[in-house]
Amino acid sequence: MSQTVAVIKGDGIGPEIMDATLQVLDALECGLNYEFIDAGLVALEKHGTLIPQASLDAIEKHGIALKGPLTTPIGKGFSSINVQLRRHFDLYANVRPAISFPGTRSRYDDIDMITVRENTEGAYLSDGQEMLDDGNTGISVIKVTRKGSERIVRYAFELAKQNGRKKVTAVHKANIIKTSSGLFLEVARDIASEYPEIEFQEMIVDNACMQLVMNPHQFDVVVTTNLFGDILSDLCAGLVGGLGLAPGANIGEKAAIFEAVHGSAPDIAGKKIANPCALLLAAAQMLDHLGMTAKGDAIRQGIRAVLENRRDMVTPDMGGTGTTDTFAQALVEHLKDLKDLKG
């Protein structure tokens, strides 16, 4: 039975990196069909809204979406498209792997960890945000629920269990924020007791930032609340060379959206120099989610092989002299060679 994926090409460099990614998926013969839907600036121009109802309906129908970077207009009353999608589909788990690849400009060359971030509550809720009448005081409420904490911590432990990970670290600020962060930590301890085979560690967020920089190898799976997860996942991306190698999965019970987490980079749009790795790695996460883990691994191993052996085909940000298209071409050729060898 074939799977249809709702595809949002995105703004700026989105269409270029999406075309490269779909070329690789087709080369893998995954049996995927694509329904192209609009969101972002393209949707605003065509439909007068950043996320048309037809696009939401398509994601709901197929349960899977692959998304390029989107631009939310600044200062015009528009709320974040990504936040809207997460809330609409209750995509409570944001999963961000940070894996070292060869030939990247990074301090470490052997990082392999995952950040699991609660995606729907915490400090990013619009509820409770208020500017007092004098304009001198802003108020923001952090709301953490037991249900939200339980499902994100359990997701992290199940992810660790299914992927042979040995350790889960809960990052918090319960020493100061004793209510919301304290509740998260209490729940994390309770859930951890159900998984005695997995080492559990708890760490205050400021210390976690320092430890990630000094000794990131002590971490395996990190689980935390919304704001801390947003910050820590970008820090982890910095450990492996930046957002150009940072995929993200947004997982809910009825839908999942996979994305490149970097911006739309309008300054280089159309120049064919955009690095497609983040979206390619997001596509690999999507294949894992669909039960095609061997094909997902083939993408990751293929990227590694291209970065090691085909520097002339790699984009300039990775130290190469190639383009978005040549990167995809090199990856497709690698996958074809593997198929020929097996054949």
Protein backbone atom coordinates (compact mmCIF):
# COMPACT_ATOMS: atom_id res chain seq x y z
CA MET A 1 0.00 0.00 0.00
CA SER A 2 1.52 3.32 -1.05
CA GLN A 3 1.75 6.33 1.25
CA THR A 4 0.86 9.86 0.16
CA VAL A 5 2.86 12.68 1.73
CA ALA A 6 1.61 16.27 1.91
CA VAL A 7 4.53 18.34 0.61
CA ILE A 8 5.04 22.03 1.39
CA LYS A 9 7.90 23.32 -0.75
CA GLY A 10 8.22 26.46 1.35
CA ASP A 11 9.58 29.95 0.82
CA GLY A 12 12.99 31.26 -0.23
CA ILE A 13 15.31 28.31 -0.75
CA GLY A 14 12.51 25.88 0.13
CA PRO A 15 11.58 24.84 -3.43
CA GLU A 16 15.24 24.19 -4.33
CA ILE A 17 16.03 21.97 -1.37
CA MET A 18 12.64 20.24 -1.60
CA ASP A 19 13.19 19.34 -5.26
CA ALA A 20 16.59 17.90 -4.34
CA THR A 21 15.08 15.90 -1.47
CA LEU A 22 12.24 14.47 -3.55
CA GLN A 23 14.76 13.44 -6.20
CA VAL A 24 16.58 11.40 -3.56
CA LEU A 25 13.36 9.87 -2.20
CA ASP A 26 12.35 8.85 -5.71
CA ALA A 27 15.77 7.24 -6.25
CA LEU A 28 15.17 5.15 -3.12
CA GLU A 29 11.91 3.83 -4.63
CA CYS A 30 10.02 4.37 -1.40
CA GLY A 31 6.61 4.04 -3.05
CA LEU A 32 5.62 7.52 -1.94
CA ASN A 33 3.08 9.74 -3.65
CA TYR A 34 3.10 13.51 -3.16
CA GLU A 35 0.29 16.00 -2.78
CA PHE A 36 1.76 19.49 -3.08
CA ILE A 37 0.06 22.01 -0.82
CA ASP A 38 0.54 25.72 -0.13
CA ALA A 39 1.67 27.48 3.03
CA GLY A 40 3.70 30.58 3.82
CA LEU A 41 4.16 33.56 1.53
CA VAL A 42 3.05 31.61 -1.55
CA ALA A 43 -0.21 30.76 0.16
CA LEU A 44 -0.66 34.34 1.34
CA GLU A 45 -0.35 35.63 -2.22
CA LYS A 46 -2.62 32.96 -3.74
CA HIS A 47 -5.21 32.48 -1.01
CA GLY A 48 -4.90 35.46 1.34
CA THR A 49 -3.88 33.28 4.27
CA LEU A 50 -0.63 31.69 5.41
CA ILE A 51 -2.22 28.24 5.90
CA PRO A 52 -5.27 27.55 3.72
CA GLN A 53 -7.88 25.14 5.04
CA ALA A 54 -7.24 22.87 2.04
CA SER A 55 -3.63 22.45 3.19
CA LEU A 56 -4.71 21.57 6.73
CA ASP A 57 -7.21 19.08 5.32
CA ALA A 58 -4.50 17.40 3.22
CA ILE A 59 -2.18 16.98 6.20
CA GLU A 60 -5.04 15.57 8.26
CA LYS A 61 -6.00 13.18 5.46
CA HIS A 62 -2.51 11.77 4.88
CA GLY A 63 -1.16 12.08 8.43
CA ILE A 64 2.32 12.89 7.08
CA ALA A 65 3.84 16.12 5.79
CA LEU A 66 7.31 17.09 4.58
CA LYS A 67 7.87 20.82 4.94
CA GLY A 68 10.45 23.25 3.61
CA PRO A 69 11.24 26.47 5.50
CA LEU A 70 8.40 28.99 5.71
CA THR A 71 8.45 32.74 6.21
CA THR A 72 6.08 34.36 8.67
CA PRO A 73 5.73 38.11 7.88
CA ILE A 74 7.08 40.22 10.73
CA GLY A 75 5.14 43.03 12.35
CA LYS A 76 1.86 42.51 10.51
CA GLY A 77 -0.11 40.61 13.13
CA PHE A 78 0.71 37.15 11.77
CA SER A 79 1.45 34.37 14.24
CA SER A 80 4.14 31.76 13.56
CA ILE A 81 3.08 29.23 10.94
CA ASN A 82 5.03 26.49 12.67
CA VAL A 83 3.32 27.19 15.99
CA GLN A 84 -0.08 27.18 14.29
CA LEU A 85 0.60 23.78 12.71
CA ARG A 86 1.81 22.30 15.98
CA ARG A 87 -1.26 23.49 17.85
CA HIS A 88 -3.74 22.54 15.14
CA PHE A 89 -2.51 18.95 14.96
CA ASP A 90 -1.36 18.68 18.60
CA LEU A 91 2.18 17.82 17.51
CA TYR A 92 3.44 17.52 21.05
CA ALA A 93 6.90 16.03 20.43
CA ASN A 94 9.65 17.95 18.65
CA VAL A 95 12.48 15.53 17.90
CA ARG A 96 15.83 17.04 16.90
CA PRO A 97 18.81 14.70 16.32
CA ALA A 98 22.32 16.16 16.33
CA ILE A 99 24.75 13.89 14.49
CA SER A 100 28.28 14.67 13.36
CA PHE A 101 29.08 14.44 9.66
CA PRO A 102 32.54 14.58 8.05
CA GLY A 103 33.91 17.75 6.50
CA THR A 104 31.79 20.13 8.57
CA ARG A 105 33.00 23.18 10.42
CA SER A 106 32.38 22.00 13.96
CA ARG A 107 34.32 21.58 17.19
CA TYR A 108 33.40 17.91 17.57
CA ASP A 109 33.35 15.07 15.06
CA ASP A 110 31.58 12.29 16.98
CA ILE A 111 28.31 13.69 18.33
CA ASP A 112 25.19 11.48 18.27
CA MET A 113 22.34 12.69 20.46
CA ILE A 114 18.65 13.58 20.30
CA THR A 115 16.73 16.43 21.89
CA VAL A 116 13.06 15.73 22.61
CA ARG A 117 11.20 18.99 23.24
CA GLU A 118 7.65 19.44 24.48
CA ASN A 119 5.99 21.33 21.66
CA THR A 120 2.55 22.56 22.72
CA GLU A 121 2.65 24.25 26.13
CA GLY A 122 5.19 25.88 28.45
CA ALA A 123 6.49 29.40 27.87
CA TYR A 124 5.27 29.70 24.28
CA LEU A 125 1.55 29.67 25.00
CA SER A 126 -0.19 32.87 23.95
CA ASP A 127 -2.58 32.42 26.89
CA GLY A 128 -1.64 34.64 29.79
CA GLN A 129 0.57 37.04 27.86
CA GLU A 130 -0.27 40.60 28.77
CA MET A 131 1.18 44.10 28.46
CA LEU A 132 -0.04 46.35 31.24
CA ASP A 133 -1.69 49.64 30.36
CA ASP A 134 1.34 51.72 31.31
CA GLY A 135 3.39 49.90 28.64
CA ASN A 136 6.21 49.31 31.11
CA THR A 137 5.39 45.80 32.26
CA GLY A 138 4.97 42.65 30.23
CA ILE A 139 3.55 39.49 31.76
CA SER A 140 3.92 35.96 30.40
CA VAL A 141 2.57 32.80 32.00
CA ILE A 142 4.39 29.46 31.81
CA LYS A 143 1.85 26.64 31.85
CA VAL A 144 3.01 23.03 32.24
CA THR A 145 0.52 20.20 32.73
CA ARG A 146 0.97 16.72 34.11
CA LYS A 147 -0.55 15.25 30.93
CA GLY A 148 1.81 17.21 28.69
CA SER A 149 4.83 16.29 30.80
CA GLU A 150 3.88 12.61 30.98
CA ARG A 151 3.46 12.16 27.26
CA ILE A 152 6.68 13.96 26.28
CA VAL A 153 8.82 12.16 28.86
CA ARG A 154 7.28 8.81 27.95
CA TYR A 155 7.91 9.56 24.28
CA ALA A 156 11.60 10.21 25.07
CA PHE A 157 11.97 6.93 26.97
CA GLU A 158 10.15 4.95 24.29
CA LEU A 159 12.38 6.57 21.63
CA ALA A 160 15.44 5.60 23.64
CA LYS A 161 14.17 2.05 24.11
CA GLN A 162 13.31 1.54 20.43
CA ASN A 163 16.63 2.94 19.20
CA GLY A 164 18.95 1.24 21.65
CA ARG A 165 19.76 4.45 23.50
CA LYS A 166 21.12 4.01 27.00
CA LYS A 167 20.39 7.27 28.81
CA VAL A 168 17.71 9.97 29.13
CA THR A 169 18.50 13.35 30.68
CA ALA A 170 15.62 15.53 31.89
CA VAL A 171 16.58 19.20 31.76
CA HIS A 172 14.73 21.58 34.10
CA LYS A 173 14.90 24.66 36.33
CA ALA A 174 12.98 23.20 39.26
CA ASN A 175 15.38 24.74 41.78
CA ILE A 176 13.96 28.19 40.94
CA ILE A 177 10.73 27.64 38.95
CA LYS A 178 9.32 25.23 41.51
CA THR A 179 5.79 25.04 40.08
CA SER A 180 5.92 24.46 36.31
CA SER A 181 9.47 23.14 36.05
CA GLY A 182 9.05 21.32 39.35
CA LEU A 183 6.00 19.49 38.01
CA PHE A 184 7.90 18.47 34.87
CA LEU A 185 10.77 17.08 36.95
CA GLU A 186 8.42 15.22 39.30
CA VAL A 187 6.73 13.56 36.32
CA ALA A 188 10.07 12.75 34.70
CA ARG A 189 11.21 10.94 37.83
CA ASP A 190 7.98 8.94 37.96
CA ILE A 191 8.17 7.90 34.31
CA ALA A 192 11.88 7.05 34.60
CA SER A 193 11.09 4.48 37.29
CA GLU A 194 9.14 2.51 34.67
CA TYR A 195 12.27 2.10 32.52
CA PRO A 196 14.94 0.66 34.87
CA GLU A 197 17.01 -0.53 31.89
CA ILE A 198 17.61 3.08 30.79
CA GLU A 199 19.86 5.34 32.84
CA PHE A 200 18.08 8.49 34.04
CA GLN A 201 19.77 11.78 34.76
CA GLU A 202 18.32 15.13 35.76
CA MET A 203 20.17 18.38 35.10
CA ILE A 204 19.47 22.07 35.69
CA VAL A 205 19.29 23.90 32.36
CA ASP A 206 22.17 26.34 32.90
CA ASN A 207 24.47 23.49 33.88
CA ALA A 208 23.21 21.48 30.90
CA CYS A 209 24.28 24.29 28.55
CA MET A 210 27.77 24.30 30.05
CA GLN A 211 28.05 20.51 30.01
CA LEU A 212 26.92 20.34 26.36
CA VAL A 213 29.75 22.65 25.38
CA MET A 214 32.40 21.03 27.59
CA ASN A 215 31.49 17.35 27.29
CA PRO A 216 28.56 16.65 24.95
CA HIS A 217 29.40 12.94 24.80
CA GLN A 218 27.79 12.38 28.19
CA PHE A 219 24.35 12.99 26.62
CA ASP A 220 22.24 10.53 24.66
CA VAL A 221 18.56 11.57 24.72
CA VAL A 222 17.62 14.92 26.28
CA VAL A 223 13.99 15.62 27.19
CA THR A 224 12.79 19.04 28.30
CA THR A 225 10.09 21.69 28.15
CA ASN A 226 9.29 24.00 25.24
CA LEU A 227 11.53 27.03 25.83
CA PHE A 228 14.52 25.07 27.11
CA GLY A 229 14.18 22.61 24.24
CA ASP A 230 14.13 25.40 21.67
CA ILE A 231 17.40 26.79 23.04
CA LEU A 232 19.16 23.48 23.69
CA SER A 233 18.33 21.97 20.29
CA ASP A 234 19.94 24.93 18.52
CA LEU A 235 22.95 24.66 20.82
CA CYS A 236 23.23 20.99 19.84
CA ALA A 237 22.99 21.92 16.16
CA GLY A 238 25.95 24.23 16.74
CA LEU A 239 27.97 21.27 18.03
CA VAL A 240 27.67 19.53 14.64
CA GLY A 241 28.07 22.46 12.26
CA GLY A 242 24.88 24.50 12.46
CA LEU A 243 21.27 24.47 11.32
CA GLY A 244 22.24 23.30 7.84
CA LEU A 245 22.50 19.83 9.36
CA ALA A 246 19.51 20.12 11.70
CA PRO A 247 16.33 18.21 10.85
CA GLY A 248 13.23 18.22 12.99
CA ALA A 249 10.20 16.00 13.44
CA ASN A 250 6.94 17.22 14.98
CA ILE A 251 5.00 14.19 16.16
CA GLY A 252 1.42 13.85 17.34
CA GLU A 253 -0.99 10.98 17.72
CA LYS A 254 -2.70 11.56 14.37
CA ALA A 255 -0.18 13.51 12.29
CA ALA A 256 3.53 14.14 11.89
CA ILE A 257 5.35 16.97 10.11
CA PHE A 258 9.02 16.68 9.17
CA GLU A 259 11.03 19.79 8.39
CA ALA A 260 14.31 21.57 7.94
CA VAL A 261 14.49 23.79 11.01
CA HIS A 262 16.57 26.54 9.40
CA GLY A 263 15.08 29.66 7.83
CA SER A 264 14.07 30.36 4.25
CA ALA A 265 17.29 32.32 3.47
CA PRO A 266 15.76 34.63 0.84
CA ASP A 267 19.15 36.24 0.22
CA ILE A 268 20.41 33.10 -1.52
CA ALA A 269 17.11 31.89 -3.01
CA GLY A 270 17.47 30.97 -6.68
CA LYS A 271 21.25 30.79 -6.56
CA LYS A 272 21.28 26.99 -6.23
CA ILE A 273 23.84 27.08 -3.41
CA ALA A 274 21.50 26.09 -0.56
CA ASN A 275 22.55 23.06 1.47
CA PRO A 276 19.76 20.42 1.27
CA CYS A 277 21.10 18.27 4.13
CA ALA A 278 18.66 19.39 6.83
CA LEU A 279 15.63 18.57 4.70
CA LEU A 280 17.21 15.34 3.48
CA LEU A 281 17.77 14.32 7.10
CA ALA A 282 14.18 15.28 7.92
CA ALA A 283 13.08 13.02 5.07
CA ALA A 284 15.16 10.24 6.65
CA GLN A 285 13.29 10.82 9.93
CA MET A 286 10.04 10.59 7.98
CA LEU A 287 11.06 7.25 6.50
CA ASP A 288 11.93 5.98 9.98
CA HIS A 289 8.48 7.06 11.15
CA LEU A 290 6.89 5.17 8.23
CA GLY A 291 8.78 1.99 9.13
CA MET A 292 11.33 2.32 6.31
CA THR A 293 14.35 2.59 8.59
CA ALA A 294 16.76 0.95 6.12
CA LYS A 295 15.94 3.62 3.54
CA GLY A 296 16.26 6.35 6.15
CA ASP A 297 19.69 5.01 7.09
CA ALA A 298 20.62 4.92 3.40
CA ILE A 299 20.06 8.68 3.18
CA ARG A 300 22.18 9.36 6.27
CA GLN A 301 24.96 7.05 5.10
CA GLY A 302 24.77 8.53 1.62
CA ILE A 303 25.18 12.08 2.93
CA ARG A 304 28.21 10.92 4.89
CA ALA A 305 29.70 9.29 1.78
CA VAL A 306 29.14 12.38 -0.38
CA LEU A 307 30.69 14.68 2.23
CA GLU A 308 33.71 12.39 2.49
CA ASN A 309 34.28 11.58 -1.17
CA ARG A 310 32.58 14.13 -3.43
CA ARG A 311 33.70 17.53 -2.19
CA ASP A 312 33.31 18.96 -5.69
CA MET A 313 29.56 18.20 -5.51
CA VAL A 314 29.00 19.68 -2.02
CA THR A 315 27.55 23.17 -1.44
CA PRO A 316 29.90 26.06 -0.51
CA ASP A 317 28.72 26.31 3.11
CA MET A 318 30.11 22.79 3.59
CA GLY A 319 33.42 23.72 2.00
CA GLY A 320 32.62 22.41 -1.46
CA THR A 321 32.31 23.94 -4.91
CA GLY A 322 29.02 22.34 -5.94
CA THR A 323 25.35 23.31 -5.92
CA THR A 324 22.10 22.11 -4.42
CA ASP A 325 21.50 20.08 -7.57
CA THR A 326 24.97 18.49 -7.69
CA PHE A 327 24.67 17.47 -4.04
CA ALA A 328 21.40 15.67 -4.84
CA GLN A 329 22.96 14.20 -7.98
CA ALA A 330 25.93 12.83 -6.04
CA LEU A 331 23.62 11.31 -3.44
CA VAL A 332 21.42 9.69 -6.10
CA GLU A 333 24.51 8.26 -7.82
CA HIS A 334 25.70 6.83 -4.49
CA LEU A 335 22.34 5.18 -3.87
CA LYS A 336 22.33 3.76 -7.41
CA ASP A 337 25.81 2.32 -6.90
CA LEU A 338 24.63 0.63 -3.70
CA LYS A 339 21.67 -0.87 -5.54
CA ASP A 340 23.91 -2.11 -8.36
CA LEU A 341 26.27 -3.71 -5.86
CA LYS A 342 23.38 -5.48 -4.13
CA GLY A 343 21.97 -6.52 -7.50
